[in-house]
Structures are given as structure tokens and as C-alpha cells.
mmCIF file of all heavy atoms, coordinates in Angstrom:
data_MODEL
# 
_entry.id   MODEL 
# 
loop_
_atom_site.group_PDB 
_atom_site.id 
_atom_site.type_symbol 
_atom_site.label_atom_id 
_atom_site.label_alt_id 
_atom_site.label_comp_id 
_atom_site.label_asym_id 
_atom_site.label_entity_id 
_atom_site.label_seq_id 
_atom_site.pdbx_PDB_ins_code 
_atom_site.Cartn_x 
_atom_site.Cartn_y 
_atom_site.Cartn_z 
_atom_site.occupancy 
_atom_site.B_iso_or_equiv 
_atom_site.pdbx_formal_charge 
_atom_site.auth_seq_id 
_atom_site.auth_comp_id 
_atom_site.auth_asym_id 
_atom_site.auth_atom_id 
_atom_site.pdbx_PDB_model_num 
ATOM 1   N N   . ASN A 1 1  ? 6.546   -20.367 -24.408 1.00 0.00 ? 1  ASN A N   1 
ATOM 2   C CA  . ASN A 1 1  ? 7.668   -20.636 -23.522 1.00 0.00 ? 1  ASN A CA  1 
ATOM 3   C C   . ASN A 1 1  ? 8.017   -19.392 -22.742 1.00 0.00 ? 1  ASN A C   1 
ATOM 4   O O   . ASN A 1 1  ? 7.389   -18.339 -22.871 1.00 0.00 ? 1  ASN A O   1 
ATOM 5   C CB  . ASN A 1 1  ? 8.876   -21.070 -24.395 1.00 0.00 ? 1  ASN A CB  1 
ATOM 6   C CG  . ASN A 1 1  ? 9.285   -20.030 -25.423 1.00 0.00 ? 1  ASN A CG  1 
ATOM 7   O OD1 . ASN A 1 1  ? 9.374   -18.833 -25.109 1.00 0.00 ? 1  ASN A OD1 1 
ATOM 8   N ND2 . ASN A 1 1  ? 9.544   -20.459 -26.641 1.00 0.00 ? 1  ASN A ND2 1 
ATOM 9   N N   . ASP A 1 2  ? 9.030   -19.500 -21.888 1.00 0.00 ? 2  ASP A N   1 
ATOM 10  C CA  . ASP A 1 2  ? 9.375   -18.380 -20.970 1.00 0.00 ? 2  ASP A CA  1 
ATOM 11  C C   . ASP A 1 2  ? 9.728   -17.090 -21.714 1.00 0.00 ? 2  ASP A C   1 
ATOM 12  O O   . ASP A 1 2  ? 9.545   -15.998 -21.195 1.00 0.00 ? 2  ASP A O   1 
ATOM 13  C CB  . ASP A 1 2  ? 10.497  -18.773 -20.052 1.00 0.00 ? 2  ASP A CB  1 
ATOM 14  C CG  . ASP A 1 2  ? 10.062  -19.847 -19.043 1.00 0.00 ? 2  ASP A CG  1 
ATOM 15  O OD1 . ASP A 1 2  ? 8.855   -19.981 -18.847 1.00 0.00 ? 2  ASP A OD1 1 
ATOM 16  O OD2 . ASP A 1 2  ? 10.942  -20.530 -18.466 1.00 0.00 ? 2  ASP A OD2 1 
ATOM 17  N N   . PHE A 1 3  ? 10.252  -17.230 -22.933 1.00 0.00 ? 3  PHE A N   1 
ATOM 18  C CA  . PHE A 1 3  ? 10.666  -16.064 -23.650 1.00 0.00 ? 3  PHE A CA  1 
ATOM 19  C C   . PHE A 1 3  ? 9.470   -15.333 -24.313 1.00 0.00 ? 3  PHE A C   1 
ATOM 20  O O   . PHE A 1 3  ? 9.606   -14.211 -24.805 1.00 0.00 ? 3  PHE A O   1 
ATOM 21  C CB  . PHE A 1 3  ? 11.680  -16.423 -24.727 1.00 0.00 ? 3  PHE A CB  1 
ATOM 22  C CG  . PHE A 1 3  ? 12.957  -16.955 -24.158 1.00 0.00 ? 3  PHE A CG  1 
ATOM 23  C CD1 . PHE A 1 3  ? 13.198  -18.324 -24.125 1.00 0.00 ? 3  PHE A CD1 1 
ATOM 24  C CD2 . PHE A 1 3  ? 13.898  -16.123 -23.610 1.00 0.00 ? 3  PHE A CD2 1 
ATOM 25  C CE1 . PHE A 1 3  ? 14.389  -18.834 -23.599 1.00 0.00 ? 3  PHE A CE1 1 
ATOM 26  C CE2 . PHE A 1 3  ? 15.085  -16.621 -23.032 1.00 0.00 ? 3  PHE A CE2 1 
ATOM 27  C CZ  . PHE A 1 3  ? 15.321  -17.966 -23.012 1.00 0.00 ? 3  PHE A CZ  1 
ATOM 28  N N   . GLU A 1 4  ? 8.337   -15.967 -24.362 1.00 0.00 ? 4  GLU A N   1 
ATOM 29  C CA  . GLU A 1 4  ? 7.157   -15.379 -25.039 1.00 0.00 ? 4  GLU A CA  1 
ATOM 30  C C   . GLU A 1 4  ? 6.092   -14.915 -24.064 1.00 0.00 ? 4  GLU A C   1 
ATOM 31  O O   . GLU A 1 4  ? 5.085   -14.374 -24.481 1.00 0.00 ? 4  GLU A O   1 
ATOM 32  C CB  . GLU A 1 4  ? 6.535   -16.407 -26.008 1.00 0.00 ? 4  GLU A CB  1 
ATOM 33  C CG  . GLU A 1 4  ? 7.492   -16.834 -27.124 1.00 0.00 ? 4  GLU A CG  1 
ATOM 34  C CD  . GLU A 1 4  ? 6.942   -17.942 -27.959 1.00 0.00 ? 4  GLU A CD  1 
ATOM 35  O OE1 . GLU A 1 4  ? 6.187   -18.797 -27.405 1.00 0.00 ? 4  GLU A OE1 1 
ATOM 36  O OE2 . GLU A 1 4  ? 7.178   -17.994 -29.163 1.00 0.00 ? 4  GLU A OE2 1 
ATOM 37  N N   . LYS A 1 5  ? 6.362   -15.095 -22.787 1.00 0.00 ? 5  LYS A N   1 
ATOM 38  C CA  . LYS A 1 5  ? 5.310   -14.741 -21.808 1.00 0.00 ? 5  LYS A CA  1 
ATOM 39  C C   . LYS A 1 5  ? 5.070   -13.229 -21.814 1.00 0.00 ? 5  LYS A C   1 
ATOM 40  O O   . LYS A 1 5  ? 6.000   -12.421 -21.861 1.00 0.00 ? 5  LYS A O   1 
ATOM 41  C CB  . LYS A 1 5  ? 5.752   -15.151 -20.401 1.00 0.00 ? 5  LYS A CB  1 
ATOM 42  C CG  . LYS A 1 5  ? 5.676   -16.667 -20.204 1.00 0.00 ? 5  LYS A CG  1 
ATOM 43  C CD  . LYS A 1 5  ? 6.067   -17.054 -18.769 1.00 0.00 ? 5  LYS A CD  1 
ATOM 44  C CE  . LYS A 1 5  ? 5.935   -18.551 -18.559 1.00 0.00 ? 5  LYS A CE  1 
ATOM 45  N NZ  . LYS A 1 5  ? 6.326   -18.902 -17.168 1.00 0.00 ? 5  LYS A NZ  1 
ATOM 46  N N   . LYS A 1 6  ? 3.807   -12.873 -21.762 1.00 0.00 ? 6  LYS A N   1 
ATOM 47  C CA  . LYS A 1 6  ? 3.429   -11.462 -21.684 1.00 0.00 ? 6  LYS A CA  1 
ATOM 48  C C   . LYS A 1 6  ? 2.616   -11.250 -20.436 1.00 0.00 ? 6  LYS A C   1 
ATOM 49  O O   . LYS A 1 6  ? 1.843   -12.098 -20.009 1.00 0.00 ? 6  LYS A O   1 
ATOM 50  C CB  . LYS A 1 6  ? 2.633   -11.059 -22.908 1.00 0.00 ? 6  LYS A CB  1 
ATOM 51  C CG  . LYS A 1 6  ? 3.457   -10.869 -24.203 1.00 0.00 ? 6  LYS A CG  1 
ATOM 52  C CD  . LYS A 1 6  ? 2.600   -10.304 -25.336 1.00 0.00 ? 6  LYS A CD  1 
ATOM 53  C CE  . LYS A 1 6  ? 3.428   -9.956  -26.527 1.00 0.00 ? 6  LYS A CE  1 
ATOM 54  N NZ  . LYS A 1 6  ? 4.034   -11.122 -27.131 1.00 0.00 ? 6  LYS A NZ  1 
ATOM 55  N N   . TYR A 1 7  ? 2.814   -10.098 -19.828 1.00 0.00 ? 7  TYR A N   1 
ATOM 56  C CA  . TYR A 1 7  ? 2.108   -9.739  -18.595 1.00 0.00 ? 7  TYR A CA  1 
ATOM 57  C C   . TYR A 1 7  ? 1.324   -8.448  -18.813 1.00 0.00 ? 7  TYR A C   1 
ATOM 58  O O   . TYR A 1 7  ? 1.738   -7.612  -19.571 1.00 0.00 ? 7  TYR A O   1 
ATOM 59  C CB  . TYR A 1 7  ? 3.104   -9.574  -17.429 1.00 0.00 ? 7  TYR A CB  1 
ATOM 60  C CG  . TYR A 1 7  ? 3.789   -10.865 -17.032 1.00 0.00 ? 7  TYR A CG  1 
ATOM 61  C CD1 . TYR A 1 7  ? 4.909   -11.361 -17.756 1.00 0.00 ? 7  TYR A CD1 1 
ATOM 62  C CD2 . TYR A 1 7  ? 3.317   -11.612 -15.951 1.00 0.00 ? 7  TYR A CD2 1 
ATOM 63  C CE1 . TYR A 1 7  ? 5.528   -12.541 -17.371 1.00 0.00 ? 7  TYR A CE1 1 
ATOM 64  C CE2 . TYR A 1 7  ? 3.942   -12.811 -15.570 1.00 0.00 ? 7  TYR A CE2 1 
ATOM 65  C CZ  . TYR A 1 7  ? 5.037   -13.267 -16.282 1.00 0.00 ? 7  TYR A CZ  1 
ATOM 66  O OH  . TYR A 1 7  ? 5.635   -14.436 -15.913 1.00 0.00 ? 7  TYR A OH  1 
ATOM 67  N N   . ILE A 1 8  ? 0.275   -8.337  -18.064 1.00 0.00 ? 8  ILE A N   1 
ATOM 68  C CA  . ILE A 1 8  ? -0.493  -7.068  -18.030 1.00 0.00 ? 8  ILE A CA  1 
ATOM 69  C C   . ILE A 1 8  ? -0.684  -6.693  -16.551 1.00 0.00 ? 8  ILE A C   1 
ATOM 70  O O   . ILE A 1 8  ? -0.695  -7.560  -15.672 1.00 0.00 ? 8  ILE A O   1 
ATOM 71  C CB  . ILE A 1 8  ? -1.839  -7.164  -18.741 1.00 0.00 ? 8  ILE A CB  1 
ATOM 72  C CG1 . ILE A 1 8  ? -2.652  -8.321  -18.217 1.00 0.00 ? 8  ILE A CG1 1 
ATOM 73  C CG2 . ILE A 1 8  ? -1.647  -7.217  -20.218 1.00 0.00 ? 8  ILE A CG2 1 
ATOM 74  C CD1 . ILE A 1 8  ? -4.071  -8.412  -18.798 1.00 0.00 ? 8  ILE A CD1 1 
ATOM 75  N N   . ARG A 1 9  ? -0.849  -5.417  -16.336 1.00 0.00 ? 9  ARG A N   1 
ATOM 76  C CA  . ARG A 1 9  ? -1.124  -4.948  -14.978 1.00 0.00 ? 9  ARG A CA  1 
ATOM 77  C C   . ARG A 1 9  ? -2.625  -4.645  -14.906 1.00 0.00 ? 9  ARG A C   1 
ATOM 78  O O   . ARG A 1 9  ? -3.175  -3.865  -15.712 1.00 0.00 ? 9  ARG A O   1 
ATOM 79  C CB  . ARG A 1 9  ? -0.319  -3.691  -14.639 1.00 0.00 ? 9  ARG A CB  1 
ATOM 80  C CG  . ARG A 1 9  ? -0.475  -3.196  -13.209 1.00 0.00 ? 9  ARG A CG  1 
ATOM 81  C CD  . ARG A 1 9  ? 0.554   -2.154  -12.854 1.00 0.00 ? 9  ARG A CD  1 
ATOM 82  N NE  . ARG A 1 9  ? 1.857   -2.796  -12.688 1.00 0.00 ? 9  ARG A NE  1 
ATOM 83  C CZ  . ARG A 1 9  ? 2.276   -3.327  -11.567 1.00 0.00 ? 9  ARG A CZ  1 
ATOM 84  N NH1 . ARG A 1 9  ? 1.483   -3.350  -10.484 1.00 0.00 ? 9  ARG A NH1 1 
ATOM 85  N NH2 . ARG A 1 9  ? 3.470   -3.879  -11.507 1.00 0.00 ? 9  ARG A NH2 1 
ATOM 86  N N   . VAL A 1 10 ? -3.302  -5.295  -13.986 1.00 0.00 ? 10 VAL A N   1 
ATOM 87  C CA  . VAL A 1 10 ? -4.746  -5.149  -13.834 1.00 0.00 ? 10 VAL A CA  1 
ATOM 88  C C   . VAL A 1 10 ? -5.115  -4.623  -12.438 1.00 0.00 ? 10 VAL A C   1 
ATOM 89  O O   . VAL A 1 10 ? -4.316  -4.756  -11.497 1.00 0.00 ? 10 VAL A O   1 
ATOM 90  C CB  . VAL A 1 10 ? -5.497  -6.472  -14.114 1.00 0.00 ? 10 VAL A CB  1 
ATOM 91  C CG1 . VAL A 1 10 ? -5.143  -7.001  -15.506 1.00 0.00 ? 10 VAL A CG1 1 
ATOM 92  C CG2 . VAL A 1 10 ? -5.186  -7.520  -13.052 1.00 0.00 ? 10 VAL A CG2 1 
ATOM 93  N N   . SER A 1 11 ? -6.299  -4.094  -12.356 1.00 0.00 ? 11 SER A N   1 
ATOM 94  C CA  . SER A 1 11 ? -6.749  -3.661  -11.024 1.00 0.00 ? 11 SER A CA  1 
ATOM 95  C C   . SER A 1 11 ? -7.798  -4.603  -10.476 1.00 0.00 ? 11 SER A C   1 
ATOM 96  O O   . SER A 1 11 ? -7.940  -4.716  -9.245  1.00 0.00 ? 11 SER A O   1 
ATOM 97  C CB  . SER A 1 11 ? -7.358  -2.228  -11.107 1.00 0.00 ? 11 SER A CB  1 
ATOM 98  O OG  . SER A 1 11 ? -8.451  -2.198  -12.015 1.00 0.00 ? 11 SER A OG  1 
ATOM 99  N N   . HIS A 1 12 ? -8.535  -5.293  -11.374 1.00 0.00 ? 12 HIS A N   1 
ATOM 100 C CA  . HIS A 1 12 ? -9.660  -6.101  -10.891 1.00 0.00 ? 12 HIS A CA  1 
ATOM 101 C C   . HIS A 1 12 ? -10.150 -6.964  -12.012 1.00 0.00 ? 12 HIS A C   1 
ATOM 102 O O   . HIS A 1 12 ? -9.944  -6.661  -13.200 1.00 0.00 ? 12 HIS A O   1 
ATOM 103 C CB  . HIS A 1 12 ? -10.784 -5.167  -10.471 1.00 0.00 ? 12 HIS A CB  1 
ATOM 104 C CG  . HIS A 1 12 ? -11.909 -5.835  -9.710  1.00 0.00 ? 12 HIS A CG  1 
ATOM 105 N ND1 . HIS A 1 12 ? -11.804 -6.290  -8.407  1.00 0.00 ? 12 HIS A ND1 1 
ATOM 106 C CD2 . HIS A 1 12 ? -13.146 -6.236  -10.138 1.00 0.00 ? 12 HIS A CD2 1 
ATOM 107 C CE1 . HIS A 1 12 ? -12.943 -6.824  -8.038  1.00 0.00 ? 12 HIS A CE1 1 
ATOM 108 N NE2 . HIS A 1 12 ? -13.766 -6.839  -9.077  1.00 0.00 ? 12 HIS A NE2 1 
ATOM 109 N N   . TYR A 1 13 ? -10.749 -8.092  -11.686 1.00 0.00 ? 13 TYR A N   1 
ATOM 110 C CA  . TYR A 1 13 ? -11.505 -8.864  -12.658 1.00 0.00 ? 13 TYR A CA  1 
ATOM 111 C C   . TYR A 1 13 ? -12.726 -9.471  -11.990 1.00 0.00 ? 13 TYR A C   1 
ATOM 112 O O   . TYR A 1 13 ? -12.797 -9.666  -10.784 1.00 0.00 ? 13 TYR A O   1 
ATOM 113 C CB  . TYR A 1 13 ? -10.645 -9.978  -13.268 1.00 0.00 ? 13 TYR A CB  1 
ATOM 114 C CG  . TYR A 1 13 ? -10.256 -11.113 -12.331 1.00 0.00 ? 13 TYR A CG  1 
ATOM 115 C CD1 . TYR A 1 13 ? -11.115 -12.200 -12.102 1.00 0.00 ? 13 TYR A CD1 1 
ATOM 116 C CD2 . TYR A 1 13 ? -9.045  -11.104 -11.653 1.00 0.00 ? 13 TYR A CD2 1 
ATOM 117 C CE1 . TYR A 1 13 ? -10.782 -13.212 -11.250 1.00 0.00 ? 13 TYR A CE1 1 
ATOM 118 C CE2 . TYR A 1 13 ? -8.686  -12.092 -10.782 1.00 0.00 ? 13 TYR A CE2 1 
ATOM 119 C CZ  . TYR A 1 13 ? -9.567  -13.147 -10.586 1.00 0.00 ? 13 TYR A CZ  1 
ATOM 120 O OH  . TYR A 1 13 ? -9.218  -14.163 -9.722  1.00 0.00 ? 13 TYR A OH  1 
ATOM 121 N N   . GLU A 1 14 ? -13.727 -9.750  -12.768 1.00 0.00 ? 14 GLU A N   1 
ATOM 122 C CA  . GLU A 1 14 ? -14.956 -10.374 -12.313 1.00 0.00 ? 14 GLU A CA  1 
ATOM 123 C C   . GLU A 1 14 ? -15.286 -11.510 -13.250 1.00 0.00 ? 14 GLU A C   1 
ATOM 124 O O   . GLU A 1 14 ? -15.286 -11.353 -14.453 1.00 0.00 ? 14 GLU A O   1 
ATOM 125 C CB  . GLU A 1 14 ? -16.127 -9.410  -12.285 1.00 0.00 ? 14 GLU A CB  1 
ATOM 126 C CG  . GLU A 1 14 ? -16.103 -8.374  -11.171 1.00 0.00 ? 14 GLU A CG  1 
ATOM 127 C CD  . GLU A 1 14 ? -16.410 -9.031  -9.803  1.00 0.00 ? 14 GLU A CD  1 
ATOM 128 O OE1 . GLU A 1 14 ? -17.094 -10.035 -9.800  1.00 0.00 ? 14 GLU A OE1 1 
ATOM 129 O OE2 . GLU A 1 14 ? -15.907 -8.476  -8.793  1.00 0.00 ? 14 GLU A OE2 1 
ATOM 130 N N   . ARG A 1 15 ? -15.618 -12.650 -12.667 1.00 0.00 ? 15 ARG A N   1 
ATOM 131 C CA  . ARG A 1 15 ? -15.935 -13.829 -13.462 1.00 0.00 ? 15 ARG A CA  1 
ATOM 132 C C   . ARG A 1 15 ? -17.366 -13.763 -14.033 1.00 0.00 ? 15 ARG A C   1 
ATOM 133 O O   . ARG A 1 15 ? -17.672 -14.489 -14.965 1.00 0.00 ? 15 ARG A O   1 
ATOM 134 C CB  . ARG A 1 15 ? -15.794 -15.094 -12.641 1.00 0.00 ? 15 ARG A CB  1 
ATOM 135 C CG  . ARG A 1 15 ? -14.342 -15.395 -12.266 1.00 0.00 ? 15 ARG A CG  1 
ATOM 136 C CD  . ARG A 1 15 ? -14.259 -16.712 -11.513 1.00 0.00 ? 15 ARG A CD  1 
ATOM 137 N NE  . ARG A 1 15 ? -12.910 -17.044 -11.068 1.00 0.00 ? 15 ARG A NE  1 
ATOM 138 C CZ  . ARG A 1 15 ? -12.001 -17.676 -11.814 1.00 0.00 ? 15 ARG A CZ  1 
ATOM 139 N NH1 . ARG A 1 15 ? -12.326 -18.126 -13.032 1.00 0.00 ? 15 ARG A NH1 1 
ATOM 140 N NH2 . ARG A 1 15 ? -10.783 -17.913 -11.363 1.00 0.00 ? 15 ARG A NH2 1 
ATOM 141 N N   . SER A 1 16 ? -18.189 -12.915 -13.475 1.00 0.00 ? 16 SER A N   1 
ATOM 142 C CA  . SER A 1 16 ? -19.577 -12.874 -13.937 1.00 0.00 ? 16 SER A CA  1 
ATOM 143 C C   . SER A 1 16 ? -20.200 -11.498 -13.693 1.00 0.00 ? 16 SER A C   1 
ATOM 144 O O   . SER A 1 16 ? -20.249 -11.035 -12.565 1.00 0.00 ? 16 SER A O   1 
ATOM 145 C CB  . SER A 1 16 ? -20.431 -13.938 -13.210 1.00 0.00 ? 16 SER A CB  1 
ATOM 146 O OG  . SER A 1 16 ? -21.788 -13.832 -13.569 1.00 0.00 ? 16 SER A OG  1 
ATOM 147 N N   . THR A 1 17 ? -20.616 -10.845 -14.766 1.00 0.00 ? 17 THR A N   1 
ATOM 148 C CA  . THR A 1 17 ? -21.343 -9.581  -14.643 1.00 0.00 ? 17 THR A CA  1 
ATOM 149 C C   . THR A 1 17 ? -22.293 -9.459  -15.830 1.00 0.00 ? 17 THR A C   1 
ATOM 150 O O   . THR A 1 17 ? -22.008 -9.944  -16.932 1.00 0.00 ? 17 THR A O   1 
ATOM 151 C CB  . THR A 1 17 ? -20.376 -8.362  -14.615 1.00 0.00 ? 17 THR A CB  1 
ATOM 152 O OG1 . THR A 1 17 ? -21.164 -7.156  -14.558 1.00 0.00 ? 17 THR A OG1 1 
ATOM 153 C CG2 . THR A 1 17 ? -19.501 -8.310  -15.833 1.00 0.00 ? 17 THR A CG2 1 
ATOM 154 N N   . ARG A 1 18 ? -23.376 -8.768  -15.584 1.00 0.00 ? 18 ARG A N   1 
ATOM 155 C CA  . ARG A 1 18 ? -24.369 -8.565  -16.628 1.00 0.00 ? 18 ARG A CA  1 
ATOM 156 C C   . ARG A 1 18 ? -24.602 -7.097  -16.917 1.00 0.00 ? 18 ARG A C   1 
ATOM 157 O O   . ARG A 1 18 ? -25.606 -6.714  -17.568 1.00 0.00 ? 18 ARG A O   1 
ATOM 158 C CB  . ARG A 1 18 ? -25.705 -9.213  -16.247 1.00 0.00 ? 18 ARG A CB  1 
ATOM 159 C CG  . ARG A 1 18 ? -25.649 -10.734 -16.246 1.00 0.00 ? 18 ARG A CG  1 
ATOM 160 C CD  . ARG A 1 18 ? -27.024 -11.351 -15.925 1.00 0.00 ? 18 ARG A CD  1 
ATOM 161 N NE  . ARG A 1 18 ? -26.965 -12.816 -16.047 1.00 0.00 ? 18 ARG A NE  1 
ATOM 162 C CZ  . ARG A 1 18 ? -27.126 -13.462 -17.208 1.00 0.00 ? 18 ARG A CZ  1 
ATOM 163 N NH1 . ARG A 1 18 ? -27.387 -12.812 -18.309 1.00 0.00 ? 18 ARG A NH1 1 
ATOM 164 N NH2 . ARG A 1 18 ? -27.105 -14.812 -17.223 1.00 0.00 ? 18 ARG A NH2 1 
ATOM 165 N N   . VAL A 1 19 ? -23.727 -6.215  -16.500 1.00 0.00 ? 19 VAL A N   1 
ATOM 166 C CA  . VAL A 1 19 ? -23.923 -4.780  -16.684 1.00 0.00 ? 19 VAL A CA  1 
ATOM 167 C C   . VAL A 1 19 ? -22.891 -4.113  -17.551 1.00 0.00 ? 19 VAL A C   1 
ATOM 168 O O   . VAL A 1 19 ? -22.896 -2.894  -17.759 1.00 0.00 ? 19 VAL A O   1 
ATOM 169 C CB  . VAL A 1 19 ? -24.013 -4.057  -15.326 1.00 0.00 ? 19 VAL A CB  1 
ATOM 170 C CG1 . VAL A 1 19 ? -25.154 -4.562  -14.458 1.00 0.00 ? 19 VAL A CG1 1 
ATOM 171 C CG2 . VAL A 1 19 ? -22.687 -4.196  -14.520 1.00 0.00 ? 19 VAL A CG2 1 
ATOM 172 N N   . LEU A 1 20 ? -21.927 -4.894  -18.089 1.00 0.00 ? 20 LEU A N   1 
ATOM 173 C CA  . LEU A 1 20 ? -20.894 -4.329  -18.947 1.00 0.00 ? 20 LEU A CA  1 
ATOM 174 C C   . LEU A 1 20 ? -20.858 -5.025  -20.303 1.00 0.00 ? 20 LEU A C   1 
ATOM 175 O O   . LEU A 1 20 ? -19.807 -5.540  -20.675 1.00 0.00 ? 20 LEU A O   1 
ATOM 176 C CB  . LEU A 1 20 ? -19.534 -4.426  -18.259 1.00 0.00 ? 20 LEU A CB  1 
ATOM 177 C CG  . LEU A 1 20 ? -19.146 -3.259  -17.333 1.00 0.00 ? 20 LEU A CG  1 
ATOM 178 C CD1 . LEU A 1 20 ? -17.761 -3.473  -16.745 1.00 0.00 ? 20 LEU A CD1 1 
ATOM 179 C CD2 . LEU A 1 20 ? -19.170 -1.916  -18.065 1.00 0.00 ? 20 LEU A CD2 1 
ATOM 180 N N   . GLY A 1 21 ? -21.973 -5.014  -20.953 1.00 0.00 ? 21 GLY A N   1 
ATOM 181 C CA  . GLY A 1 21 ? -22.085 -5.667  -22.252 1.00 0.00 ? 21 GLY A CA  1 
ATOM 182 C C   . GLY A 1 21 ? -23.178 -6.692  -22.302 1.00 0.00 ? 21 GLY A C   1 
ATOM 183 O O   . GLY A 1 21 ? -23.827 -7.001  -21.303 1.00 0.00 ? 21 GLY A O   1 
ATOM 184 N N   . PRO A 1 22 ? -23.438 -7.234  -23.485 1.00 0.00 ? 22 PRO A N   1 
ATOM 185 C CA  . PRO A 1 22 ? -24.548 -8.213  -23.680 1.00 0.00 ? 22 PRO A CA  1 
ATOM 186 C C   . PRO A 1 22 ? -24.322 -9.499  -22.876 1.00 0.00 ? 22 PRO A C   1 
ATOM 187 O O   . PRO A 1 22 ? -23.230 -10.078 -22.937 1.00 0.00 ? 22 PRO A O   1 
ATOM 188 C CB  . PRO A 1 22 ? -24.547 -8.456  -25.165 1.00 0.00 ? 22 PRO A CB  1 
ATOM 189 C CG  . PRO A 1 22 ? -23.813 -7.300  -25.774 1.00 0.00 ? 22 PRO A CG  1 
ATOM 190 C CD  . PRO A 1 22 ? -22.786 -6.914  -24.761 1.00 0.00 ? 22 PRO A CD  1 
ATOM 191 N N   . GLY A 1 23 ? -25.360 -9.956  -22.210 1.00 0.00 ? 23 GLY A N   1 
ATOM 192 C CA  . GLY A 1 23 ? -25.301 -11.238 -21.553 1.00 0.00 ? 23 GLY A CA  1 
ATOM 193 C C   . GLY A 1 23 ? -24.392 -11.320 -20.334 1.00 0.00 ? 23 GLY A C   1 
ATOM 194 O O   . GLY A 1 23 ? -23.960 -10.286 -19.798 1.00 0.00 ? 23 GLY A O   1 
ATOM 195 N N   . ASN A 1 24 ? -24.107 -12.513 -19.902 1.00 0.00 ? 24 ASN A N   1 
ATOM 196 C CA  . ASN A 1 24 ? -23.224 -12.762 -18.788 1.00 0.00 ? 24 ASN A CA  1 
ATOM 197 C C   . ASN A 1 24 ? -21.780 -12.736 -19.251 1.00 0.00 ? 24 ASN A C   1 
ATOM 198 O O   . ASN A 1 24 ? -21.433 -13.465 -20.178 1.00 0.00 ? 24 ASN A O   1 
ATOM 199 C CB  . ASN A 1 24 ? -23.567 -14.088 -18.113 1.00 0.00 ? 24 ASN A CB  1 
ATOM 200 C CG  . ASN A 1 24 ? -22.862 -14.257 -16.776 1.00 0.00 ? 24 ASN A CG  1 
ATOM 201 O OD1 . ASN A 1 24 ? -22.738 -13.349 -16.015 1.00 0.00 ? 24 ASN A OD1 1 
ATOM 202 N ND2 . ASN A 1 24 ? -22.455 -15.499 -16.509 1.00 0.00 ? 24 ASN A ND2 1 
ATOM 203 N N   . ARG A 1 25 ? -20.921 -11.958 -18.552 1.00 0.00 ? 25 ARG A N   1 
ATOM 204 C CA  . ARG A 1 25 ? -19.580 -11.741 -19.104 1.00 0.00 ? 25 ARG A CA  1 
ATOM 205 C C   . ARG A 1 25 ? -18.503 -11.836 -18.017 1.00 0.00 ? 25 ARG A C   1 
ATOM 206 O O   . ARG A 1 25 ? -18.723 -11.550 -16.870 1.00 0.00 ? 25 ARG A O   1 
ATOM 207 C CB  . ARG A 1 25 ? -19.507 -10.360 -19.756 1.00 0.00 ? 25 ARG A CB  1 
ATOM 208 C CG  . ARG A 1 25 ? -20.643 -10.103 -20.709 1.00 0.00 ? 25 ARG A CG  1 
ATOM 209 C CD  . ARG A 1 25 ? -20.533 -8.734  -21.404 1.00 0.00 ? 25 ARG A CD  1 
ATOM 210 N NE  . ARG A 1 25 ? -19.427 -8.694  -22.324 1.00 0.00 ? 25 ARG A NE  1 
ATOM 211 C CZ  . ARG A 1 25 ? -19.449 -9.223  -23.572 1.00 0.00 ? 25 ARG A CZ  1 
ATOM 212 N NH1 . ARG A 1 25 ? -20.542 -9.854  -23.985 1.00 0.00 ? 25 ARG A NH1 1 
ATOM 213 N NH2 . ARG A 1 25 ? -18.431 -9.153  -24.373 1.00 0.00 ? 25 ARG A NH2 1 
ATOM 214 N N   . PHE A 1 26 ? -17.310 -12.223 -18.473 1.00 0.00 ? 26 PHE A N   1 
ATOM 215 C CA  . PHE A 1 26 ? -16.113 -12.072 -17.699 1.00 0.00 ? 26 PHE A CA  1 
ATOM 216 C C   . PHE A 1 26 ? -15.577 -10.677 -17.939 1.00 0.00 ? 26 PHE A C   1 
ATOM 217 O O   . PHE A 1 26 ? -15.481 -10.267 -19.118 1.00 0.00 ? 26 PHE A O   1 
ATOM 218 C CB  . PHE A 1 26 ? -15.045 -13.130 -18.121 1.00 0.00 ? 26 PHE A CB  1 
ATOM 219 C CG  . PHE A 1 26 ? -13.818 -13.188 -17.245 1.00 0.00 ? 26 PHE A CG  1 
ATOM 220 C CD1 . PHE A 1 26 ? -13.650 -14.277 -16.410 1.00 0.00 ? 26 PHE A CD1 1 
ATOM 221 C CD2 . PHE A 1 26 ? -12.860 -12.173 -17.275 1.00 0.00 ? 26 PHE A CD2 1 
ATOM 222 C CE1 . PHE A 1 26 ? -12.527 -14.371 -15.590 1.00 0.00 ? 26 PHE A CE1 1 
ATOM 223 C CE2 . PHE A 1 26 ? -11.721 -12.260 -16.434 1.00 0.00 ? 26 PHE A CE2 1 
ATOM 224 C CZ  . PHE A 1 26 ? -11.552 -13.355 -15.613 1.00 0.00 ? 26 PHE A CZ  1 
ATOM 225 N N   . ALA A 1 27 ? -15.234 -9.923  -16.917 1.00 0.00 ? 27 ALA A N   1 
ATOM 226 C CA  . ALA A 1 27 ? -14.756 -8.552  -17.122 1.00 0.00 ? 27 ALA A CA  1 
ATOM 227 C C   . ALA A 1 27 ? -13.419 -8.344  -16.433 1.00 0.00 ? 27 ALA A C   1 
ATOM 228 O O   . ALA A 1 27 ? -13.152 -8.887  -15.323 1.00 0.00 ? 27 ALA A O   1 
ATOM 229 C CB  . ALA A 1 27 ? -15.735 -7.539  -16.552 1.00 0.00 ? 27 ALA A CB  1 
# 
């Protein structure tokens, strides 16, 4: 609910990468 919402501040995200861990990853 609205009282439990948590937010984070991010700079970027990628839906698919293969260079930051095993296999195809969300980063």
C-alpha cells in the first residue's frame, strides 16, 4: 500500500547484458 512503498535512486538500468555476471542479465 502507499505507506509501504519504497523508492531507490538509480542512474541507469539495462534489460539485457552479458558482461556483468553469468548469462543474460537485467542490470
